[in-house]
Amino acid sequence: MADFMHNSAIKSAIRRFANPFPDVDAFDAIIESVILNNPFGCVSYMNTGANHPPIEKIKESYTAKFVYLDSNGKQRGTTSESYDTLEGYKAGISAVQSHAANITAHGGAVARNEAADTYAVSLKCHHPNSELYYVNFSRGQVTVTSYTDDAILTGIETWTDGVPAMA
């Protein structure tokens, strides 16, 4: 039986932020800026008869965290809700905060634990050299994966250096 061989040509790199994004709107602003402004210099391409934009959002995940507190401020319960769209996340927060039966069942008022919320978005990018790679954003880091050309990482690093929220 043949063994898998390591392929050192495929690379990945991570930049952890000094501070996580303060909220989902700041996070989303960065994602939308990348898609609309294409700071990595990506190009559109054809694949299996379909035209693809230079940068595509291929996956997103948002998790909202809640705490239930009684009248003395004692924690009575927790919950988290996960959504695969930003719109779902925002609507879900309102739904949880107004769900009277759930609040009664926990025996306390619902409070957001926004500092514990998580979000992640994966972008597929097409470099002018025909290489496909991925830029994965989360609340506290950005990861570049599946690239071989070091110029890709250099370009993303240069852009990231200019974004104060990603220091």
Protein backbone atom coordinates (compact mmCIF):
# COMPACT_ATOMS: atom_id res chain seq x y z
CA MET A 1 0.00 0.00 0.00
CA ALA A 2 1.40 3.40 -0.98
CA ASP A 3 1.97 6.12 1.61
CA PHE A 4 0.96 9.73 1.26
CA MET A 5 3.88 11.95 0.39
CA HIS A 6 4.22 15.42 1.83
CA ASN A 7 3.96 18.19 -0.72
CA SER A 8 5.94 21.09 0.64
CA ALA A 9 4.98 23.28 -2.33
CA ILE A 10 1.51 24.01 -0.90
CA LYS A 11 1.77 26.59 1.85
CA SER A 12 -0.31 28.22 4.54
CA ALA A 13 0.32 31.15 6.83
CA ILE A 14 -1.51 32.71 9.80
CA ARG A 15 -1.56 36.23 11.19
CA ARG A 16 -3.09 36.56 14.64
CA PHE A 17 -4.43 40.00 15.52
CA ALA A 18 -3.38 41.86 18.67
CA ASN A 19 -7.10 42.48 19.27
CA PRO A 20 -10.07 40.69 17.74
CA PHE A 21 -12.53 42.62 15.60
CA PRO A 22 -14.71 44.58 18.05
CA ASP A 23 -17.98 43.58 16.40
CA VAL A 24 -19.50 41.88 13.39
CA ASP A 25 -19.95 45.14 11.47
CA ALA A 26 -16.22 45.93 11.62
CA PHE A 27 -15.49 42.35 10.54
CA ASP A 28 -17.98 42.51 7.67
CA ALA A 29 -16.60 45.86 6.49
CA ILE A 30 -13.19 44.25 5.96
CA ILE A 31 -14.68 41.27 4.09
CA GLU A 32 -16.79 43.48 1.83
CA SER A 33 -13.82 45.75 1.18
CA VAL A 34 -11.71 42.79 0.04
CA ILE A 35 -14.46 41.52 -2.28
CA LEU A 36 -15.30 44.94 -3.75
CA ASN A 37 -11.81 46.49 -3.93
CA ASN A 38 -9.77 43.36 -4.74
CA PRO A 39 -6.60 44.48 -2.91
CA PHE A 40 -4.85 41.19 -3.78
CA GLY A 41 -5.00 41.84 -7.54
CA CYS A 42 -6.99 38.69 -8.28
CA VAL A 43 -8.53 38.02 -11.71
CA SER A 44 -11.74 36.38 -12.87
CA TYR A 45 -11.55 32.93 -14.43
CA MET A 46 -13.57 30.21 -16.14
CA ASN A 47 -14.01 26.78 -14.62
CA THR A 48 -16.28 24.03 -16.01
CA GLY A 49 -18.07 26.54 -18.20
CA ALA A 50 -18.82 28.98 -15.39
CA ASN A 51 -17.30 32.42 -14.99
CA HIS A 52 -15.99 33.12 -11.48
CA PRO A 53 -15.22 36.54 -10.01
CA PRO A 54 -11.67 37.30 -8.84
CA ILE A 55 -12.65 36.82 -5.18
CA GLU A 56 -15.59 34.69 -4.06
CA LYS A 57 -17.09 34.26 -0.61
CA ILE A 58 -17.40 30.49 -0.36
CA LYS A 59 -18.25 29.95 3.29
CA GLU A 60 -19.36 32.00 6.26
CA SER A 61 -20.26 31.21 9.85
CA TYR A 62 -21.45 33.42 12.70
CA THR A 63 -22.11 32.36 16.30
CA ALA A 64 -23.90 34.57 18.83
CA LYS A 65 -23.46 33.90 22.56
CA PHE A 66 -26.00 34.67 25.27
CA VAL A 67 -26.14 34.52 29.07
CA TYR A 68 -29.28 34.33 31.19
CA LEU A 69 -29.09 36.23 34.48
CA ASP A 70 -31.54 36.21 37.39
CA SER A 71 -32.56 39.37 39.25
CA ASN A 72 -29.44 39.08 41.46
CA GLY A 73 -27.13 38.92 38.45
CA LYS A 74 -26.45 35.20 38.97
CA GLN A 75 -25.97 33.24 35.77
CA ARG A 76 -28.91 30.89 35.17
CA GLY A 77 -27.92 29.56 31.78
CA THR A 78 -26.13 30.13 28.51
CA THR A 79 -26.81 29.48 24.89
CA SER A 80 -25.16 29.97 21.55
CA GLU A 81 -26.77 30.20 18.15
CA SER A 82 -24.94 29.55 14.88
CA TYR A 83 -25.86 30.98 11.49
CA ASP A 84 -24.44 30.63 8.00
CA THR A 85 -25.20 34.21 6.94
CA LEU A 86 -24.67 37.62 8.49
CA GLU A 87 -28.36 38.39 7.97
CA GLY A 88 -29.33 35.21 9.85
CA TYR A 89 -26.97 36.10 12.68
CA LYS A 90 -28.47 39.57 13.11
CA ALA A 91 -32.06 38.32 12.87
CA GLY A 92 -31.28 35.42 15.21
CA ILE A 93 -29.95 37.75 17.91
CA SER A 94 -33.24 39.64 17.93
CA ALA A 95 -35.21 36.40 17.97
CA VAL A 96 -33.31 35.00 20.97
CA GLN A 97 -33.56 38.27 22.88
CA SER A 98 -37.33 38.42 22.41
CA HIS A 99 -38.20 34.73 22.90
CA ALA A 100 -40.28 34.97 26.09
CA ALA A 101 -40.76 31.23 26.60
CA ASN A 102 -37.01 30.59 26.42
CA ILE A 103 -36.28 33.46 28.80
CA THR A 104 -38.85 32.08 31.26
CA ALA A 105 -37.42 28.57 30.95
CA HIS A 106 -33.95 29.84 31.86
CA GLY A 107 -35.33 31.78 34.83
CA GLY A 108 -33.53 34.95 33.97
CA ALA A 109 -33.17 37.81 31.55
CA VAL A 110 -31.16 37.23 28.40
CA ALA A 111 -27.98 39.27 27.95
CA ARG A 112 -25.62 39.29 24.99
CA ASN A 113 -22.09 38.03 25.49
CA GLU A 114 -20.92 39.77 22.33
CA ALA A 115 -17.24 39.54 23.27
CA ALA A 116 -17.54 35.74 22.97
CA ASP A 117 -19.24 35.78 19.54
CA THR A 118 -17.32 34.18 16.71
CA TYR A 119 -17.36 34.80 12.97
CA ALA A 120 -15.49 33.32 10.04
CA VAL A 121 -15.51 33.87 6.28
CA SER A 122 -13.57 31.98 3.62
CA LEU A 123 -12.71 33.66 0.35
CA LYS A 124 -11.50 31.85 -2.77
CA CYS A 125 -9.09 33.97 -4.79
CA HIS A 126 -7.65 33.53 -8.27
CA HIS A 127 -4.15 34.92 -8.72
CA PRO A 128 -3.05 36.20 -12.16
CA ASN A 129 -0.63 33.23 -12.32
CA SER A 130 -3.76 30.97 -12.44
CA GLU A 131 -3.29 29.78 -8.88
CA LEU A 132 -6.36 29.37 -6.67
CA TYR A 133 -5.84 30.04 -2.97
CA TYR A 134 -7.95 30.81 0.07
CA VAL A 135 -8.01 33.68 2.55
CA ASN A 136 -9.87 32.75 5.71
CA PHE A 137 -10.87 35.51 8.10
CA SER A 138 -11.99 34.95 11.66
CA ARG A 139 -12.54 37.36 14.49
CA GLY A 140 -8.94 37.08 15.70
CA GLN A 141 -6.83 36.04 12.71
CA VAL A 142 -6.45 35.73 8.97
CA THR A 143 -5.11 32.58 7.34
CA VAL A 144 -3.85 32.20 3.78
CA THR A 145 -3.93 28.61 2.53
CA SER A 146 -3.24 26.52 -0.55
CA TYR A 147 -0.80 28.88 -2.22
CA THR A 148 2.59 28.09 -3.72
CA ASP A 149 3.80 31.46 -5.01
CA ASP A 150 5.33 33.53 -2.20
CA ALA A 151 4.24 36.69 -4.01
CA ILE A 152 0.66 35.86 -2.99
CA LEU A 153 1.51 35.96 0.71
CA THR A 154 3.67 39.06 0.24
CA GLY A 155 0.74 40.90 -1.39
CA ILE A 156 -1.67 39.90 1.36
CA GLU A 157 0.86 40.80 4.06
CA THR A 158 1.38 44.23 2.52
CA TRP A 159 -2.36 44.84 2.42
CA THR A 160 -2.88 43.54 5.97
CA ASP A 161 -0.09 45.81 7.27
CA GLY A 162 -2.15 48.77 6.05
CA VAL A 163 -5.35 47.72 7.85
CA PRO A 164 -5.21 48.97 11.47
CA ALA A 165 -7.88 46.48 12.65
CA MET A 166 -5.62 43.60 11.59
CA ALA A 167 -2.44 44.66 13.39
